[in-house]
Amino acid sequence: MAVAAVEGKLRELVHVQSTPDVTKPGRESTRKPEVQHLTGAPLLWCPGLNLGQLYNNEQRKQLGIEGLLPPSVETLDLQAERIMRHLEMEEEDLSKYFVLAEVASHNQTLFYHVVMTYLTKLAPIVYTPVVGEACTQFDKIYSAPLGFYLSSWEHRGRFKDILCNWPSKIVQIVVVTDGGRILGLGDLGTNGIGISIGKVQLYVAGAGFHPEHSM
């Protein structure tokens, strides 16, 4: 009975953790002061906090973002359908990766809603096999710093100080790569960050980690 009870509790915990509400922010108190109370344009420029057209009219007034978004208020489901239609127009999987990367660089809430809703279809795009080709092209498609970068040369002896620049004080999961042996493609250097980004995205979408507390 004790074993069964434990197994039941574990299943309950897994269920809770596997369905995160990405429309809700992480623990605001764990953010660094400079990102705790963003308003106006800077809020929309922060992909981890920007909710885009999901903001209702009252929220737009309070946050000082009226006029900075199209006037219509749209649900995440409606926005996700639009993105999926866009993806269907792309013939190459790598082009679909670019589209999703662009969404993630502006609105992570929308990105994760899309991936979680269509996880079976999009997991191969977000991660293997497409991420390997994306890593070889990452220096060409880079548009936003979705990861964290430590240089063994520039940051030598200062890793602890540099890590303090991460905007959240609580990190529940870290995916690290040295850029070497990426999916059998060899040493890709900084381009290998695509592997870490893709794994974090799958851990958030499939395992229940909150994006704000994933690194």
C-alpha atoms as a PDB file:
ATOM      1  CA  MET A   1       0.000   0.000   0.000  1.00  0.00           C
ATOM      2  CA  ALA A   2       2.819   2.381   0.851  1.00  0.00           C
ATOM      3  CA  VAL A   3       4.446   1.817  -2.544  1.00  0.00           C
ATOM      4  CA  ALA A   4       1.125   2.329  -4.323  1.00  0.00           C
ATOM      5  CA  ALA A   5       0.537   5.556  -2.411  1.00  0.00           C
ATOM      6  CA  VAL A   6       3.950   6.851  -3.357  1.00  0.00           C
ATOM      7  CA  GLU A   7       3.427   5.927  -7.000  1.00  0.00           C
ATOM      8  CA  GLY A   8       0.061   7.676  -6.972  1.00  0.00           C
ATOM      9  CA  LYS A   9       1.591  10.816  -5.504  1.00  0.00           C
ATOM     10  CA  LEU A  10       4.348  10.770  -8.099  1.00  0.00           C
ATOM     11  CA  ARG A  11       1.805  10.444 -10.902  1.00  0.00           C
ATOM     12  CA  GLU A  12      -0.099  13.376  -9.417  1.00  0.00           C
ATOM     13  CA  LEU A  13       3.058  15.492  -9.266  1.00  0.00           C
ATOM     14  CA  VAL A  14       4.034  14.568 -12.811  1.00  0.00           C
ATOM     15  CA  HIS A  15       0.551  15.493 -14.020  1.00  0.00           C
ATOM     16  CA  VAL A  16       0.702  18.865 -12.296  1.00  0.00           C
ATOM     17  CA  GLN A  17       4.178  19.622 -13.575  1.00  0.00           C
ATOM     18  CA  SER A  18       3.444  18.478 -17.125  1.00  0.00           C
ATOM     19  CA  THR A  19       0.699  21.070 -17.648  1.00  0.00           C
ATOM     20  CA  PRO A  20       2.234  24.456 -16.758  1.00  0.00           C
ATOM     21  CA  ASP A  21       0.235  27.610 -17.409  1.00  0.00           C
ATOM     22  CA  VAL A  22       2.706  29.591 -19.496  1.00  0.00           C
ATOM     23  CA  THR A  23       0.302  32.541 -19.605  1.00  0.00           C
ATOM     24  CA  LYS A  24       1.169  33.189 -15.971  1.00  0.00           C
ATOM     25  CA  PRO A  25       4.592  34.625 -15.107  1.00  0.00           C
ATOM     26  CA  GLY A  26       7.106  32.877 -12.907  1.00  0.00           C
ATOM     27  CA  ARG A  27       7.791  34.047  -9.395  1.00  0.00           C
ATOM     28  CA  GLU A  28       8.013  37.824  -9.756  1.00  0.00           C
ATOM     29  CA  SER A  29       9.884  38.140  -6.447  1.00  0.00           C
ATOM     30  CA  THR A  30      12.726  36.056  -7.885  1.00  0.00           C
ATOM     31  CA  ARG A  31      13.375  38.448 -10.774  1.00  0.00           C
ATOM     32  CA  LYS A  32      16.158  40.947 -10.682  1.00  0.00           C
ATOM     33  CA  PRO A  33      14.891  44.461  -9.796  1.00  0.00           C
ATOM     34  CA  GLU A  34      15.338  45.807 -13.322  1.00  0.00           C
ATOM     35  CA  VAL A  35      12.795  43.323 -14.729  1.00  0.00           C
ATOM     36  CA  GLN A  36      10.292  43.190 -11.860  1.00  0.00           C
ATOM     37  CA  HIS A  37       8.042  46.061 -12.889  1.00  0.00           C
ATOM     38  CA  LEU A  38       8.498  46.628 -16.598  1.00  0.00           C
ATOM     39  CA  THR A  39       5.881  48.745 -18.359  1.00  0.00           C
ATOM     40  CA  GLY A  40       5.477  50.459 -21.728  1.00  0.00           C
ATOM     41  CA  ALA A  41       7.628  49.546 -24.695  1.00  0.00           C
ATOM     42  CA  PRO A  42      10.363  47.838 -22.582  1.00  0.00           C
ATOM     43  CA  LEU A  43       7.751  45.294 -21.451  1.00  0.00           C
ATOM     44  CA  LEU A  44       6.914  44.435 -25.061  1.00  0.00           C
ATOM     45  CA  TRP A  45      10.625  44.177 -25.848  1.00  0.00           C
ATOM     46  CA  CYS A  46      11.089  41.481 -23.167  1.00  0.00           C
ATOM     47  CA  PRO A  47      10.146  38.121 -24.761  1.00  0.00           C
ATOM     48  CA  GLY A  48       9.854  36.374 -21.417  1.00  0.00           C
ATOM     49  CA  LEU A  49       7.210  38.796 -20.126  1.00  0.00           C
ATOM     50  CA  ASN A  50       5.550  40.135 -23.263  1.00  0.00           C
ATOM     51  CA  LEU A  51       2.016  38.752 -23.748  1.00  0.00           C
ATOM     52  CA  GLY A  52       1.418  40.608 -27.015  1.00  0.00           C
ATOM     53  CA  GLN A  53      -2.183  40.819 -28.164  1.00  0.00           C
ATOM     54  CA  LEU A  54      -3.313  38.697 -25.232  1.00  0.00           C
ATOM     55  CA  TYR A  55      -3.332  41.846 -23.071  1.00  0.00           C
ATOM     56  CA  ASN A  56      -6.891  43.075 -22.584  1.00  0.00           C
ATOM     57  CA  ASN A  57      -7.832  46.747 -22.880  1.00  0.00           C
ATOM     58  CA  GLU A  58      -7.600  47.434 -19.154  1.00  0.00           C
ATOM     59  CA  GLN A  59      -4.159  45.845 -18.906  1.00  0.00           C
ATOM     60  CA  ARG A  60      -2.974  47.941 -21.843  1.00  0.00           C
ATOM     61  CA  LYS A  61      -4.044  51.121 -20.038  1.00  0.00           C
ATOM     62  CA  GLN A  62      -2.409  50.110 -16.764  1.00  0.00           C
ATOM     63  CA  LEU A  63       0.852  49.020 -18.403  1.00  0.00           C
ATOM     64  CA  GLY A  64       1.153  52.003 -20.732  1.00  0.00           C
ATOM     65  CA  ILE A  65       1.122  49.942 -23.910  1.00  0.00           C
ATOM     66  CA  GLU A  66      -1.988  51.350 -25.606  1.00  0.00           C
ATOM     67  CA  GLY A  67      -1.168  52.137 -29.213  1.00  0.00           C
ATOM     68  CA  LEU A  68       1.887  49.874 -29.150  1.00  0.00           C
ATOM     69  CA  LEU A  69      -0.145  46.839 -30.209  1.00  0.00           C
ATOM     70  CA  PRO A  70      -2.861  46.250 -32.793  1.00  0.00           C
ATOM     71  CA  PRO A  71      -6.190  47.220 -31.147  1.00  0.00           C
ATOM     72  CA  SER A  72      -7.762  43.746 -31.257  1.00  0.00           C
ATOM     73  CA  VAL A  73      -7.433  41.478 -28.238  1.00  0.00           C
ATOM     74  CA  GLU A  74      -6.686  37.919 -29.334  1.00  0.00           C
ATOM     75  CA  THR A  75      -6.664  34.628 -27.476  1.00  0.00           C
ATOM     76  CA  LEU A  76      -3.585  32.460 -27.542  1.00  0.00           C
ATOM     77  CA  ASP A  77      -5.520  29.821 -29.461  1.00  0.00           C
ATOM     78  CA  LEU A  78      -6.331  32.279 -32.245  1.00  0.00           C
ATOM     79  CA  GLN A  79      -2.726  33.454 -32.442  1.00  0.00           C
ATOM     80  CA  ALA A  80      -1.507  29.850 -32.425  1.00  0.00           C
ATOM     81  CA  GLU A  81      -3.758  29.001 -35.356  1.00  0.00           C
ATOM     82  CA  ARG A  82      -2.275  31.901 -37.317  1.00  0.00           C
ATOM     83  CA  ILE A  83       1.250  30.700 -36.633  1.00  0.00           C
ATOM     84  CA  MET A  84       0.359  27.159 -37.662  1.00  0.00           C
ATOM     85  CA  ARG A  85      -1.047  28.467 -40.940  1.00  0.00           C
ATOM     86  CA  HIS A  86       2.223  30.312 -41.458  1.00  0.00           C
ATOM     87  CA  LEU A  87       4.176  27.134 -40.781  1.00  0.00           C
ATOM     88  CA  GLU A  88       2.044  25.197 -43.261  1.00  0.00           C
ATOM     89  CA  MET A  89       3.052  27.703 -45.940  1.00  0.00           C
ATOM     90  CA  GLU A  90       6.732  26.876 -45.405  1.00  0.00           C
ATOM     91  CA  GLU A  91       7.966  23.903 -47.422  1.00  0.00           C
ATOM     92  CA  GLU A  92      11.315  23.392 -45.668  1.00  0.00           C
ATOM     93  CA  ASP A  93      11.547  22.273 -42.041  1.00  0.00           C
ATOM     94  CA  LEU A  94      14.440  24.669 -41.461  1.00  0.00           C
ATOM     95  CA  SER A  95      12.228  27.568 -42.539  1.00  0.00           C
ATOM     96  CA  LYS A  96       9.647  26.412 -39.994  1.00  0.00           C
ATOM     97  CA  TYR A  97      12.397  26.464 -37.364  1.00  0.00           C
ATOM     98  CA  PHE A  98      13.165  30.076 -38.319  1.00  0.00           C
ATOM     99  CA  VAL A  99       9.507  31.046 -37.916  1.00  0.00           C
ATOM    100  CA  LEU A 100       9.274  29.503 -34.445  1.00  0.00           C
ATOM    101  CA  ALA A 101      12.591  31.044 -33.405  1.00  0.00           C
ATOM    102  CA  GLU A 102      11.266  34.450 -34.408  1.00  0.00           C
ATOM    103  CA  VAL A 103       8.146  33.929 -32.302  1.00  0.00           C
ATOM    104  CA  ALA A 104      10.248  32.825 -29.311  1.00  0.00           C
ATOM    105  CA  SER A 105      12.459  35.897 -29.613  1.00  0.00           C
ATOM    106  CA  HIS A 106       9.436  38.206 -29.221  1.00  0.00           C
ATOM    107  CA  ASN A 107       6.776  36.380 -27.216  1.00  0.00           C
ATOM    108  CA  GLN A 108       7.738  33.241 -25.307  1.00  0.00           C
ATOM    109  CA  THR A 109       4.239  32.819 -23.882  1.00  0.00           C
ATOM    110  CA  LEU A 110       2.815  32.491 -27.376  1.00  0.00           C
ATOM    111  CA  PHE A 111       5.721  30.319 -28.502  1.00  0.00           C
ATOM    112  CA  TYR A 112       5.225  27.809 -25.697  1.00  0.00           C
ATOM    113  CA  HIS A 113       1.474  27.780 -26.156  1.00  0.00           C
ATOM    114  CA  VAL A 114       1.962  26.859 -29.806  1.00  0.00           C
ATOM    115  CA  VAL A 115       4.540  24.162 -29.064  1.00  0.00           C
ATOM    116  CA  MET A 116       2.546  22.669 -26.179  1.00  0.00           C
ATOM    117  CA  THR A 117      -0.671  22.633 -28.220  1.00  0.00           C
ATOM    118  CA  TYR A 118       0.971  21.014 -31.252  1.00  0.00           C
ATOM    119  CA  LEU A 119       3.801  19.193 -29.493  1.00  0.00           C
ATOM    120  CA  THR A 120       3.720  16.055 -31.652  1.00  0.00           C
ATOM    121  CA  LYS A 121       3.992  18.082 -34.849  1.00  0.00           C
ATOM    122  CA  LEU A 122       6.510  20.629 -33.624  1.00  0.00           C
ATOM    123  CA  ALA A 123       8.894  18.630 -31.420  1.00  0.00           C
ATOM    124  CA  PRO A 124      10.912  17.454 -34.484  1.00  0.00           C
ATOM    125  CA  ILE A 125      11.152  21.100 -35.605  1.00  0.00           C
ATOM    126  CA  VAL A 126      12.151  22.529 -32.237  1.00  0.00           C
ATOM    127  CA  TYR A 127      14.663  19.752 -31.578  1.00  0.00           C
ATOM    128  CA  THR A 128      15.947  16.762 -33.535  1.00  0.00           C
ATOM    129  CA  PRO A 129      16.289  16.292 -36.391  1.00  0.00           C
ATOM    130  CA  VAL A 130      15.939  19.923 -37.520  1.00  0.00           C
ATOM    131  CA  VAL A 131      17.962  21.505 -34.712  1.00  0.00           C
ATOM    132  CA  GLY A 132      21.165  19.937 -36.053  1.00  0.00           C
ATOM    133  CA  GLU A 133      20.879  21.778 -39.357  1.00  0.00           C
ATOM    134  CA  ALA A 134      19.766  24.901 -37.503  1.00  0.00           C
ATOM    135  CA  CYS A 135      22.938  24.832 -35.391  1.00  0.00           C
ATOM    136  CA  THR A 136      25.103  24.783 -38.511  1.00  0.00           C
ATOM    137  CA  GLN A 137      23.260  27.937 -39.635  1.00  0.00           C
ATOM    138  CA  PHE A 138      22.818  29.557 -36.221  1.00  0.00           C
ATOM    139  CA  ASP A 139      25.261  32.400 -36.830  1.00  0.00           C
ATOM    140  CA  LYS A 140      23.131  33.388 -39.835  1.00  0.00           C
ATOM    141  CA  ILE A 141      19.701  33.137 -38.183  1.00  0.00           C
ATOM    142  CA  TYR A 142      20.572  34.606 -34.775  1.00  0.00           C
ATOM    143  CA  SER A 143      18.025  37.259 -33.809  1.00  0.00           C
ATOM    144  CA  ALA A 144      17.799  37.251 -30.008  1.00  0.00           C
ATOM    145  CA  PRO A 145      19.887  35.962 -27.061  1.00  0.00           C
ATOM    146  CA  LEU A 146      17.588  33.140 -25.971  1.00  0.00           C
ATOM    147  CA  GLY A 147      20.426  31.441 -24.098  1.00  0.00           C
ATOM    148  CA  PHE A 148      23.314  32.385 -21.825  1.00  0.00           C
ATOM    149  CA  TYR A 149      26.901  32.567 -23.001  1.00  0.00           C
ATOM    150  CA  LEU A 150      30.088  32.018 -20.991  1.00  0.00           C
ATOM    151  CA  SER A 151      33.441  32.576 -22.672  1.00  0.00           C
ATOM    152  CA  SER A 152      36.410  30.645 -21.276  1.00  0.00           C
ATOM    153  CA  TRP A 153      38.597  33.509 -22.501  1.00  0.00           C
ATOM    154  CA  GLU A 154      36.653  36.716 -21.909  1.00  0.00           C
ATOM    155  CA  HIS A 155      35.030  35.570 -18.653  1.00  0.00           C
ATOM    156  CA  ARG A 156      37.845  33.518 -17.177  1.00  0.00           C
ATOM    157  CA  GLY A 157      37.828  33.789 -13.383  1.00  0.00           C
ATOM    158  CA  ARG A 158      34.523  35.713 -13.412  1.00  0.00           C
ATOM    159  CA  PHE A 159      31.954  32.999 -14.147  1.00  0.00           C
ATOM    160  CA  LYS A 160      30.099  33.547 -10.845  1.00  0.00           C
ATOM    161  CA  ASP A 161      29.785  37.283 -11.462  1.00  0.00           C
ATOM    162  CA  ILE A 162      28.640  36.759 -15.061  1.00  0.00           C
ATOM    163  CA  LEU A 163      26.019  34.199 -14.017  1.00  0.00           C
ATOM    164  CA  CYS A 164      24.502  36.833 -11.719  1.00  0.00           C
ATOM    165  CA  ASN A 165      23.397  38.689 -14.863  1.00  0.00           C
ATOM    166  CA  TRP A 166      20.702  36.068 -15.481  1.00  0.00           C
ATOM    167  CA  PRO A 167      17.361  37.855 -14.854  1.00  0.00           C
ATOM    168  CA  SER A 168      15.834  35.195 -12.582  1.00  0.00           C
ATOM    169  CA  LYS A 169      17.275  34.385  -9.160  1.00  0.00           C
ATOM    170  CA  ILE A 170      15.754  30.895  -9.198  1.00  0.00           C
ATOM    171  CA  VAL A 171      16.691  28.432 -11.935  1.00  0.00           C
ATOM    172  CA  GLN A 172      15.086  24.999 -11.831  1.00  0.00           C
ATOM    173  CA  ILE A 173      16.826  23.463 -14.826  1.00  0.00           C
ATOM    174  CA  VAL A 174      20.015  24.227 -16.765  1.00  0.00           C
ATOM    175  CA  VAL A 175      20.998  22.766 -20.144  1.00  0.00           C
ATOM    176  CA  VAL A 176      24.698  23.249 -20.863  1.00  0.00           C
ATOM    177  CA  THR A 177      26.806  22.602 -23.956  1.00  0.00           C
ATOM    178  CA  ASP A 178      30.424  23.338 -24.811  1.00  0.00           C
ATOM    179  CA  GLY A 179      29.535  23.358 -28.501  1.00  0.00           C
ATOM    180  CA  GLY A 180      31.447  20.152 -29.205  1.00  0.00           C
ATOM    181  CA  ARG A 181      30.193  16.924 -30.819  1.00  0.00           C
ATOM    182  CA  ILE A 182      26.804  18.426 -31.661  1.00  0.00           C
ATOM    183  CA  LEU A 183      24.698  15.532 -32.997  1.00  0.00           C
ATOM    184  CA  GLY A 184      27.757  14.105 -34.704  1.00  0.00           C
ATOM    185  CA  LEU A 185      28.397  17.372 -36.553  1.00  0.00           C
ATOM    186  CA  GLY A 186      31.621  18.159 -34.709  1.00  0.00           C
ATOM    187  CA  ASP A 187      32.637  21.288 -32.828  1.00  0.00           C
ATOM    188  CA  LEU A 188      30.199  24.070 -33.728  1.00  0.00           C
ATOM    189  CA  GLY A 189      31.357  26.548 -31.103  1.00  0.00           C
ATOM    190  CA  THR A 190      28.782  29.160 -30.150  1.00  0.00           C
ATOM    191  CA  ASN A 191      26.431  27.807 -32.826  1.00  0.00           C
ATOM    192  CA  GLY A 192      25.868  24.828 -30.515  1.00  0.00           C
ATOM    193  CA  ILE A 193      23.659  27.018 -28.294  1.00  0.00           C
ATOM    194  CA  GLY A 194      20.762  25.865 -30.479  1.00  0.00           C
ATOM    195  CA  ILE A 195      20.975  22.454 -28.800  1.00  0.00           C
ATOM    196  CA  SER A 196      20.569  23.952 -25.320  1.00  0.00           C
ATOM    197  CA  ILE A 197      17.752  26.231 -26.450  1.00  0.00           C
ATOM    198  CA  GLY A 198      15.901  23.352 -28.098  1.00  0.00           C
ATOM    199  CA  LYS A 199      16.239  21.057 -25.076  1.00  0.00           C
ATOM    200  CA  VAL A 200      15.015  23.739 -22.678  1.00  0.00           C
ATOM    201  CA  GLN A 201      12.032  24.367 -24.943  1.00  0.00           C
ATOM    202  CA  LEU A 202      11.126  20.666 -24.911  1.00  0.00           C
ATOM    203  CA  TYR A 203      11.587  20.444 -21.124  1.00  0.00           C
ATOM    204  CA  VAL A 204       9.222  23.377 -20.676  1.00  0.00           C
ATOM    205  CA  ALA A 205       6.653  22.101 -23.183  1.00  0.00           C
ATOM    206  CA  GLY A 206       6.799  18.436 -22.225  1.00  0.00           C
ATOM    207  CA  ALA A 207       8.046  18.212 -18.636  1.00  0.00           C
ATOM    208  CA  GLY A 208       6.394  21.170 -16.927  1.00  0.00           C
ATOM    209  CA  PHE A 209       9.300  23.497 -16.144  1.00  0.00           C
ATOM    210  CA  HIS A 210       8.404  27.184 -16.254  1.00  0.00           C
ATOM    211  CA  PRO A 211      10.345  29.080 -18.965  1.00  0.00           C
ATOM    212  CA  GLU A 212      11.218  31.902 -16.591  1.00  0.00           C
ATOM    213  CA  HIS A 213      13.052  29.454 -14.352  1.00  0.00           C
ATOM    214  CA  SER A 214      14.792  27.495 -17.130  1.00  0.00           C
ATOM    215  CA  MET A 215      18.266  28.338 -18.388  1.00  0.00           C
END
